C-alpha atoms as a PDB file:
ATOM      1  CA  MET A   1       8.205  20.943   4.653  1.00  0.00           C
ATOM      2  CA  PRO A   2       4.485  21.202   3.881  1.00  0.00           C
ATOM      3  CA  GLU A   3       2.915  24.628   4.155  1.00  0.00           C
ATOM      4  CA  ARG A   4       1.540  25.611   7.543  1.00  0.00           C
ATOM      5  CA  ASN A   5      -1.628  23.726   8.557  1.00  0.00           C
ATOM      6  CA  VAL A   6      -1.144  21.160   5.791  1.00  0.00           C
ATOM      7  CA  THR A   7      -0.582  17.619   6.995  1.00  0.00           C
ATOM      8  CA  ARG A   8       1.736  15.669   4.723  1.00  0.00           C
ATOM      9  CA  LEU A   9       1.394  11.885   4.656  1.00  0.00           C
ATOM     10  CA  PHE A  10       4.250   9.813   3.286  1.00  0.00           C
ATOM     11  CA  LEU A  11       2.448   6.615   2.261  1.00  0.00           C
ATOM     12  CA  VAL A  12       4.838   3.717   1.696  1.00  0.00           C
ATOM     13  CA  ARG A  13       4.329   0.163   0.580  1.00  0.00           C
ATOM     14  CA  HIS A  14       6.520  -2.322   2.459  1.00  0.00           C
ATOM     15  CA  GLY A  15       9.644  -3.671   0.757  1.00  0.00           C
ATOM     16  CA  ALA A  16       9.752  -6.840  -1.318  1.00  0.00           C
ATOM     17  CA  THR A  17       9.172 -10.272   0.200  1.00  0.00           C
ATOM     18  CA  VAL A  18       9.846 -13.776  -1.098  1.00  0.00           C
ATOM     19  CA  LEU A  19       6.125 -14.355  -1.652  1.00  0.00           C
ATOM     20  CA  SER A  20       5.638 -11.101  -3.567  1.00  0.00           C
ATOM     21  CA  ALA A  21       8.471 -12.146  -5.870  1.00  0.00           C
ATOM     22  CA  GLU A  22       6.627 -15.432  -6.511  1.00  0.00           C
ATOM     23  CA  ASP A  23       3.344 -13.602  -7.287  1.00  0.00           C
ATOM     24  CA  ARG A  24       1.447 -15.274  -4.459  1.00  0.00           C
ATOM     25  CA  PHE A  25      -1.606 -13.925  -2.656  1.00  0.00           C
ATOM     26  CA  ALA A  26      -0.272 -13.056   0.777  1.00  0.00           C
ATOM     27  CA  GLY A  27      -2.497 -10.353   2.220  1.00  0.00           C
ATOM     28  CA  ALA A  28      -3.036 -12.033   5.594  1.00  0.00           C
ATOM     29  CA  THR A  29       0.139 -14.152   5.479  1.00  0.00           C
ATOM     30  CA  ASP A  30       2.744 -12.746   7.861  1.00  0.00           C
ATOM     31  CA  VAL A  31       5.886 -12.983   5.745  1.00  0.00           C
ATOM     32  CA  GLU A  32       9.270 -11.323   6.339  1.00  0.00           C
ATOM     33  CA  LEU A  33      11.057  -8.858   4.074  1.00  0.00           C
ATOM     34  CA  SER A  34      13.508 -10.403   1.641  1.00  0.00           C
ATOM     35  CA  GLU A  35      17.091  -9.127   1.385  1.00  0.00           C
ATOM     36  CA  GLU A  36      15.967  -7.097  -1.612  1.00  0.00           C
ATOM     37  CA  GLY A  37      13.129  -5.611   0.449  1.00  0.00           C
ATOM     38  CA  ILE A  38      15.528  -4.577   3.222  1.00  0.00           C
ATOM     39  CA  PHE A  39      17.774  -2.910   0.628  1.00  0.00           C
ATOM     40  CA  GLN A  40      14.795  -1.021  -0.822  1.00  0.00           C
ATOM     41  CA  ALA A  41      13.703   0.209   2.611  1.00  0.00           C
ATOM     42  CA  GLU A  42      17.226   1.325   3.509  1.00  0.00           C
ATOM     43  CA  ARG A  43      17.474   3.387   0.323  1.00  0.00           C
ATOM     44  CA  LEU A  44      14.153   5.052   1.093  1.00  0.00           C
ATOM     45  CA  ALA A  45      15.306   5.749   4.666  1.00  0.00           C
ATOM     46  CA  GLU A  46      18.322   7.581   3.257  1.00  0.00           C
ATOM     47  CA  ARG A  47      16.059   9.584   0.974  1.00  0.00           C
ATOM     48  CA  LEU A  48      13.770  10.679   3.820  1.00  0.00           C
ATOM     49  CA  ALA A  49      16.471  11.166   6.453  1.00  0.00           C
ATOM     50  CA  ASP A  50      16.407  14.980   6.196  1.00  0.00           C
ATOM     51  CA  ASP A  51      12.624  15.309   6.308  1.00  0.00           C
ATOM     52  CA  ALA A  52      11.065  16.315   9.611  1.00  0.00           C
ATOM     53  CA  ILE A  53       8.984  13.226  10.368  1.00  0.00           C
ATOM     54  CA  ALA A  54       6.727  13.593  13.403  1.00  0.00           C
ATOM     55  CA  ALA A  55       5.477  10.002  13.639  1.00  0.00           C
ATOM     56  CA  VAL A  56       5.672   6.610  11.941  1.00  0.00           C
ATOM     57  CA  TYR A  57       2.765   4.178  11.652  1.00  0.00           C
ATOM     58  CA  SER A  58       2.496   0.674  10.233  1.00  0.00           C
ATOM     59  CA  SER A  59       0.212  -2.320  10.112  1.00  0.00           C
ATOM     60  CA  GLN A  60       0.927  -5.217  12.457  1.00  0.00           C
ATOM     61  CA  MET A  61       2.491  -7.415   9.774  1.00  0.00           C
ATOM     62  CA  LYS A  62       6.198  -8.279  10.003  1.00  0.00           C
ATOM     63  CA  ARG A  63       6.980  -6.838   6.571  1.00  0.00           C
ATOM     64  CA  THR A  64       5.490  -3.435   7.364  1.00  0.00           C
ATOM     65  CA  ILE A  65       6.905  -3.247  10.890  1.00  0.00           C
ATOM     66  CA  HIS A  66      10.402  -4.022   9.575  1.00  0.00           C
ATOM     67  CA  THR A  67      10.088  -1.463   6.775  1.00  0.00           C
ATOM     68  CA  ALA A  68       8.727   1.187   9.167  1.00  0.00           C
ATOM     69  CA  THR A  69      11.475   0.476  11.709  1.00  0.00           C
ATOM     70  CA  ILE A  70      14.140   1.056   9.061  1.00  0.00           C
ATOM     71  CA  LEU A  71      12.438   4.282   7.931  1.00  0.00           C
ATOM     72  CA  GLY A  72      11.966   5.562  11.474  1.00  0.00           C
ATOM     73  CA  ARG A  73      15.540   4.925  12.591  1.00  0.00           C
ATOM     74  CA  PRO A  74      17.085   8.181  11.244  1.00  0.00           C
ATOM     75  CA  HIS A  75      14.386  10.112  13.130  1.00  0.00           C
ATOM     76  CA  ASN A  76      14.644   8.096  16.377  1.00  0.00           C
ATOM     77  CA  LEU A  77      11.024   7.043  15.945  1.00  0.00           C
ATOM     78  CA  THR A  78       9.461   3.673  16.738  1.00  0.00           C
ATOM     79  CA  PRO A  79       6.477   2.670  14.586  1.00  0.00           C
ATOM     80  CA  THR A  80       3.011   2.789  16.081  1.00  0.00           C
ATOM     81  CA  GLN A  81       1.142  -0.304  14.930  1.00  0.00           C
ATOM     82  CA  ARG A  82      -2.454   0.026  13.722  1.00  0.00           C
ATOM     83  CA  GLU A  83      -4.235  -3.197  12.899  1.00  0.00           C
ATOM     84  CA  GLY A  84      -6.569  -1.510  10.425  1.00  0.00           C
ATOM     85  CA  LEU A  85      -3.669  -0.684   8.087  1.00  0.00           C
ATOM     86  CA  ARG A  86      -3.243  -4.379   7.247  1.00  0.00           C
ATOM     87  CA  GLU A  87      -3.480  -5.778   3.734  1.00  0.00           C
ATOM     88  CA  ILE A  88      -6.700  -7.059   2.188  1.00  0.00           C
ATOM     89  CA  HIS A  89      -7.443 -10.667   3.246  1.00  0.00           C
ATOM     90  CA  HIS A  90      -7.670 -13.065   0.295  1.00  0.00           C
ATOM     91  CA  GLY A  91      -9.419 -15.841   2.209  1.00  0.00           C
ATOM     92  CA  HIS A  92      -8.756 -19.329   0.849  1.00  0.00           C
ATOM     93  CA  TRP A  93      -6.545 -17.879  -1.899  1.00  0.00           C
ATOM     94  CA  GLU A  94      -3.831 -17.048   0.643  1.00  0.00           C
ATOM     95  CA  GLU A  95      -0.320 -18.306  -0.234  1.00  0.00           C
ATOM     96  CA  LYS A  96      -1.468 -19.646  -3.602  1.00  0.00           C
ATOM     97  CA  THR A  97      -0.001 -18.307  -6.846  1.00  0.00           C
ATOM     98  CA  ARG A  98      -2.181 -16.331  -9.214  1.00  0.00           C
ATOM     99  CA  ALA A  99      -2.064 -19.234 -11.697  1.00  0.00           C
ATOM    100  CA  GLU A 100      -3.213 -21.691  -9.019  1.00  0.00           C
ATOM    101  CA  VAL A 101      -6.119 -19.454  -8.048  1.00  0.00           C
ATOM    102  CA  GLU A 102      -7.209 -19.009 -11.661  1.00  0.00           C
ATOM    103  CA  THR A 103      -7.275 -22.787 -12.066  1.00  0.00           C
ATOM    104  CA  GLN A 104      -8.730 -23.888  -8.720  1.00  0.00           C
ATOM    105  CA  PHE A 105     -11.218 -21.057  -8.142  1.00  0.00           C
ATOM    106  CA  SER A 106     -11.953 -19.891 -11.676  1.00  0.00           C
ATOM    107  CA  GLU A 107     -15.465 -18.559 -11.021  1.00  0.00           C
ATOM    108  CA  GLU A 108     -14.356 -16.598  -7.972  1.00  0.00           C
ATOM    109  CA  TYR A 109     -11.344 -15.250  -9.786  1.00  0.00           C
ATOM    110  CA  LEU A 110     -13.429 -14.016 -12.724  1.00  0.00           C
ATOM    111  CA  ALA A 111     -15.865 -12.298 -10.340  1.00  0.00           C
ATOM    112  CA  TRP A 112     -12.948 -10.662  -8.501  1.00  0.00           C
ATOM    113  CA  GLU A 113     -11.388  -9.497 -11.775  1.00  0.00           C
ATOM    114  CA  GLU A 114     -14.694  -7.915 -12.736  1.00  0.00           C
ATOM    115  CA  ASP A 115     -15.296  -6.113  -9.442  1.00  0.00           C
ATOM    116  CA  PRO A 116     -12.679  -6.438  -6.663  1.00  0.00           C
ATOM    117  CA  TYR A 117     -14.304  -3.534  -4.844  1.00  0.00           C
ATOM    118  CA  THR A 118     -17.462  -5.374  -3.788  1.00  0.00           C
ATOM    119  CA  PHE A 119     -16.577  -9.052  -4.370  1.00  0.00           C
ATOM    120  CA  ALA A 120     -14.412 -11.121  -2.016  1.00  0.00           C
ATOM    121  CA  PRO A 121     -13.210 -14.742  -2.237  1.00  0.00           C
ATOM    122  CA  GLN A 122     -14.488 -17.161   0.398  1.00  0.00           C
ATOM    123  CA  GLY A 123     -13.165 -16.101   3.806  1.00  0.00           C
ATOM    124  CA  GLY A 124     -11.685 -12.890   2.421  1.00  0.00           C
ATOM    125  CA  GLU A 125     -12.386  -9.166   2.239  1.00  0.00           C
ATOM    126  CA  ASN A 126     -13.577  -6.851  -0.495  1.00  0.00           C
ATOM    127  CA  GLY A 127     -12.298  -3.357  -1.180  1.00  0.00           C
ATOM    128  CA  VAL A 128     -15.230  -1.696   0.577  1.00  0.00           C
ATOM    129  CA  SER A 129     -14.269  -3.434   3.831  1.00  0.00           C
ATOM    130  CA  VAL A 130     -10.668  -2.265   3.522  1.00  0.00           C
ATOM    131  CA  ILE A 131     -11.755   1.358   3.068  1.00  0.00           C
ATOM    132  CA  ALA A 132     -14.159   1.101   6.016  1.00  0.00           C
ATOM    133  CA  ARG A 133     -11.347   0.133   8.417  1.00  0.00           C
ATOM    134  CA  THR A 134      -8.587   2.315   6.911  1.00  0.00           C
ATOM    135  CA  LEU A 135     -10.161   5.754   6.444  1.00  0.00           C
ATOM    136  CA  PRO A 136     -10.953   6.277  10.155  1.00  0.00           C
ATOM    137  CA  ILE A 137      -7.286   5.598  10.978  1.00  0.00           C
ATOM    138  CA  ILE A 138      -6.127   8.140   8.407  1.00  0.00           C
ATOM    139  CA  ARG A 139      -8.530  10.697   9.823  1.00  0.00           C
ATOM    140  CA  ASP A 140      -7.245  10.050  13.355  1.00  0.00           C
ATOM    141  CA  ILE A 141      -3.614  10.397  12.237  1.00  0.00           C
ATOM    142  CA  ILE A 142      -4.331  13.728  10.529  1.00  0.00           C
ATOM    143  CA  VAL A 143      -6.127  15.066  13.603  1.00  0.00           C
ATOM    144  CA  ARG A 144      -3.305  13.942  15.916  1.00  0.00           C
ATOM    145  CA  HIS A 145      -0.514  15.385  13.762  1.00  0.00           C
ATOM    146  CA  ARG A 146      -2.096  18.382  12.076  1.00  0.00           C
ATOM    147  CA  GLY A 147       0.444  20.407  10.097  1.00  0.00           C
ATOM    148  CA  LYS A 148       3.163  17.730  10.465  1.00  0.00           C
ATOM    149  CA  ASN A 149       4.854  15.115   8.282  1.00  0.00           C
ATOM    150  CA  VAL A 150       3.740  11.556   9.057  1.00  0.00           C
ATOM    151  CA  LEU A 151       5.040   8.320   7.565  1.00  0.00           C
ATOM    152  CA  ILE A 152       2.644   5.389   7.099  1.00  0.00           C
ATOM    153  CA  VAL A 153       3.762   1.940   5.925  1.00  0.00           C
ATOM    154  CA  SER A 154       1.006  -0.270   4.564  1.00  0.00           C
ATOM    155  CA  HIS A 155       0.306  -2.674   1.708  1.00  0.00           C
ATOM    156  CA  LYS A 156      -0.315  -2.722  -2.037  1.00  0.00           C
ATOM    157  CA  ALA A 157      -4.090  -3.126  -2.248  1.00  0.00           C
ATOM    158  CA  THR A 158      -4.735  -1.111   0.908  1.00  0.00           C
ATOM    159  CA  LEU A 159      -2.772   1.867  -0.403  1.00  0.00           C
ATOM    160  CA  ARG A 160      -4.388   1.737  -3.832  1.00  0.00           C
ATOM    161  CA  LEU A 161      -7.845   1.650  -2.280  1.00  0.00           C
ATOM    162  CA  LEU A 162      -6.982   4.431   0.157  1.00  0.00           C
ATOM    163  CA  ILE A 163      -5.573   6.710  -2.545  1.00  0.00           C
ATOM    164  CA  SER A 164      -8.584   6.018  -4.772  1.00  0.00           C
ATOM    165  CA  SER A 165     -10.926   6.959  -1.947  1.00  0.00           C
ATOM    166  CA  VAL A 166      -9.295  10.188  -0.748  1.00  0.00           C
ATOM    167  CA  LEU A 167      -8.840  11.457  -4.317  1.00  0.00           C
ATOM    168  CA  GLY A 168     -12.375  10.585  -5.358  1.00  0.00           C
ATOM    169  CA  PHE A 169     -11.600   7.848  -7.920  1.00  0.00           C
ATOM    170  CA  ASP A 170     -14.015   4.996  -8.617  1.00  0.00           C
ATOM    171  CA  GLY A 171     -12.776   2.243  -6.300  1.00  0.00           C
ATOM    172  CA  ARG A 172     -13.880  -0.461  -8.732  1.00  0.00           C
ATOM    173  CA  GLY A 173     -10.949   0.440 -10.967  1.00  0.00           C
ATOM    174  CA  TYR A 174      -8.185   0.445  -8.364  1.00  0.00           C
ATOM    175  CA  ARG A 175      -6.442  -2.631  -9.790  1.00  0.00           C
ATOM    176  CA  ASP A 176      -6.629  -1.361 -13.369  1.00  0.00           C
ATOM    177  CA  ARG A 177      -5.535   2.224 -12.815  1.00  0.00           C
ATOM    178  CA  LEU A 178      -3.126   2.241  -9.882  1.00  0.00           C
ATOM    179  CA  ASP A 179      -0.003   0.260  -9.069  1.00  0.00           C
ATOM    180  CA  GLN A 180       2.265   0.176  -6.026  1.00  0.00           C
ATOM    181  CA  SER A 181       5.838  -1.104  -6.304  1.00  0.00           C
ATOM    182  CA  PRO A 182       7.715  -2.507  -3.295  1.00  0.00           C
ATOM    183  CA  ALA A 183       9.010   0.271  -1.012  1.00  0.00           C
ATOM    184  CA  CYS A 184       7.435   2.936  -3.208  1.00  0.00           C
ATOM    185  CA  LEU A 185       6.762   6.449  -1.930  1.00  0.00           C
ATOM    186  CA  ASN A 186       3.483   8.335  -2.279  1.00  0.00           C
ATOM    187  CA  VAL A 187       2.989  11.842  -0.876  1.00  0.00           C
ATOM    188  CA  LEU A 188      -0.422  13.318  -0.111  1.00  0.00           C
ATOM    189  CA  ASP A 189      -1.041  16.739   1.401  1.00  0.00           C
ATOM    190  CA  PHE A 190      -4.218  17.154   3.468  1.00  0.00           C
ATOM    191  CA  LYS A 191      -5.667  20.622   4.003  1.00  0.00           C
ATOM    192  CA  ASP A 192      -8.107  19.029   6.444  1.00  0.00           C
ATOM    193  CA  THR A 193      -9.335  15.494   7.063  1.00  0.00           C
ATOM    194  CA  VAL A 194     -11.184  15.372   3.731  1.00  0.00           C
ATOM    195  CA  ARG A 195      -9.447  17.513   1.108  1.00  0.00           C
ATOM    196  CA  ALA A 196      -6.257  15.891  -0.211  1.00  0.00           C
ATOM    197  CA  ARG A 197      -3.813  16.634  -3.015  1.00  0.00           C
ATOM    198  CA  LEU A 198      -1.541  13.997  -4.557  1.00  0.00           C
ATOM    199  CA  MET A 199       2.044  15.289  -4.697  1.00  0.00           C
ATOM    200  CA  LEU A 200       3.945  12.091  -5.573  1.00  0.00           C
ATOM    201  CA  PHE A 201       2.840   8.612  -6.635  1.00  0.00           C
ATOM    202  CA  ASN A 202       4.507   5.173  -6.708  1.00  0.00           C
ATOM    203  CA  ASP A 203       8.010   6.659  -6.792  1.00  0.00           C
ATOM    204  CA  ILE A 204      10.956   4.226  -6.523  1.00  0.00           C
ATOM    205  CA  SER A 205      13.765   6.484  -7.704  1.00  0.00           C
ATOM    206  CA  HIS A 206      15.586   5.866  -4.407  1.00  0.00           C
ATOM    207  CA  TYR A 207      16.477   2.347  -5.602  1.00  0.00           C
ATOM    208  CA  LYS A 208      15.651   2.226  -9.302  1.00  0.00           C
ATOM    209  CA  ASP A 209      16.460   4.669 -12.085  1.00  0.00           C
ATOM    210  CA  HIS A 210      13.310   4.075 -14.130  1.00  0.00           C
ATOM    211  CA  ALA A 211       9.667   3.342 -13.473  1.00  0.00           C
ATOM    212  CA  SER A 212       8.418  -0.220 -13.716  1.00  0.00           C
ATOM    213  CA  ARG A 213       6.075  -1.055 -16.582  1.00  0.00           C
ATOM    214  CA  SER A 214       2.597  -2.319 -15.831  1.00  0.00           C
ATOM    215  CA  GLY A 215       2.692  -6.107 -15.978  1.00  0.00           C
ATOM    216  CA  ASN A 216       0.580  -9.183 -15.557  1.00  0.00           C
ATOM    217  CA  ARG A 217      -0.021  -8.579 -11.845  1.00  0.00           C
ATOM    218  CA  LEU A 218      -2.638  -5.980 -12.715  1.00  0.00           C
ATOM    219  CA  SER A 219      -6.072  -7.126 -13.825  1.00  0.00           C
ATOM    220  CA  LYS A 220      -6.872  -8.849 -17.113  1.00  0.00           C
ATOM    221  CA  TRP A 221      -8.048  -5.469 -18.390  1.00  0.00           C
ATOM    222  CA  TRP A 222      -4.406  -4.726 -19.253  1.00  0.00           C
ATOM    223  CA  GLY A 223      -4.286  -7.718 -21.567  1.00  0.00           C
ATOM    224  CA  LYS A 224      -7.070  -6.202 -23.662  1.00  0.00           C
ATOM    225  CA  LEU A 225      -5.279  -2.932 -24.404  1.00  0.00           C
ATOM    226  CA  GLY A 226      -3.550  -4.239 -27.511  1.00  0.00           C
ATOM    227  CA  GLU A 227      -6.562  -6.052 -28.938  1.00  0.00           C
END
């Protein structure tokens, strides 16, 4: 239990999907959980079963609703859907693999690699837009459930941007410095609607006995580390 008057947010990325396994851009694509993703969510539900969860929230995407439903079941809670918790929209990159995007939209991709916080592909969103729609929801949840535990199921980029913002990191580096594995658990304690402390980050010990290594799904910056 968090200390009195501290609101604890359990921030969870949805479980794995077929498209995430194929490394496709699928922010606005409404894809289902894979069997692996359901397994991951069920293990996390077991882990959190003894925590006193006051409410469960999710975006309106099938993969987050399914994950949140599994997590809410031990607490007899039905997820409240908030549209603003959705994933970043990749515009005309949607459903294409990273390799396809690099080839077909090379100039856009290079601009996005350089600054995903303020640049967006055609028809898509940038990181600033995601923060603008997400932070007011987080504030509202904290006000509604002050001093309680609340579970929020969202998406990879959205969670990285949100955590960067509330902890005061430079949002331009969210893809370089932060990762979010499928069905991972993050815990943030809020003393009020502004001051937050990170208690746990990108933890997947409920289904995997070791942390994943940073791979080629992060920005090209990682490829320069060994040079």
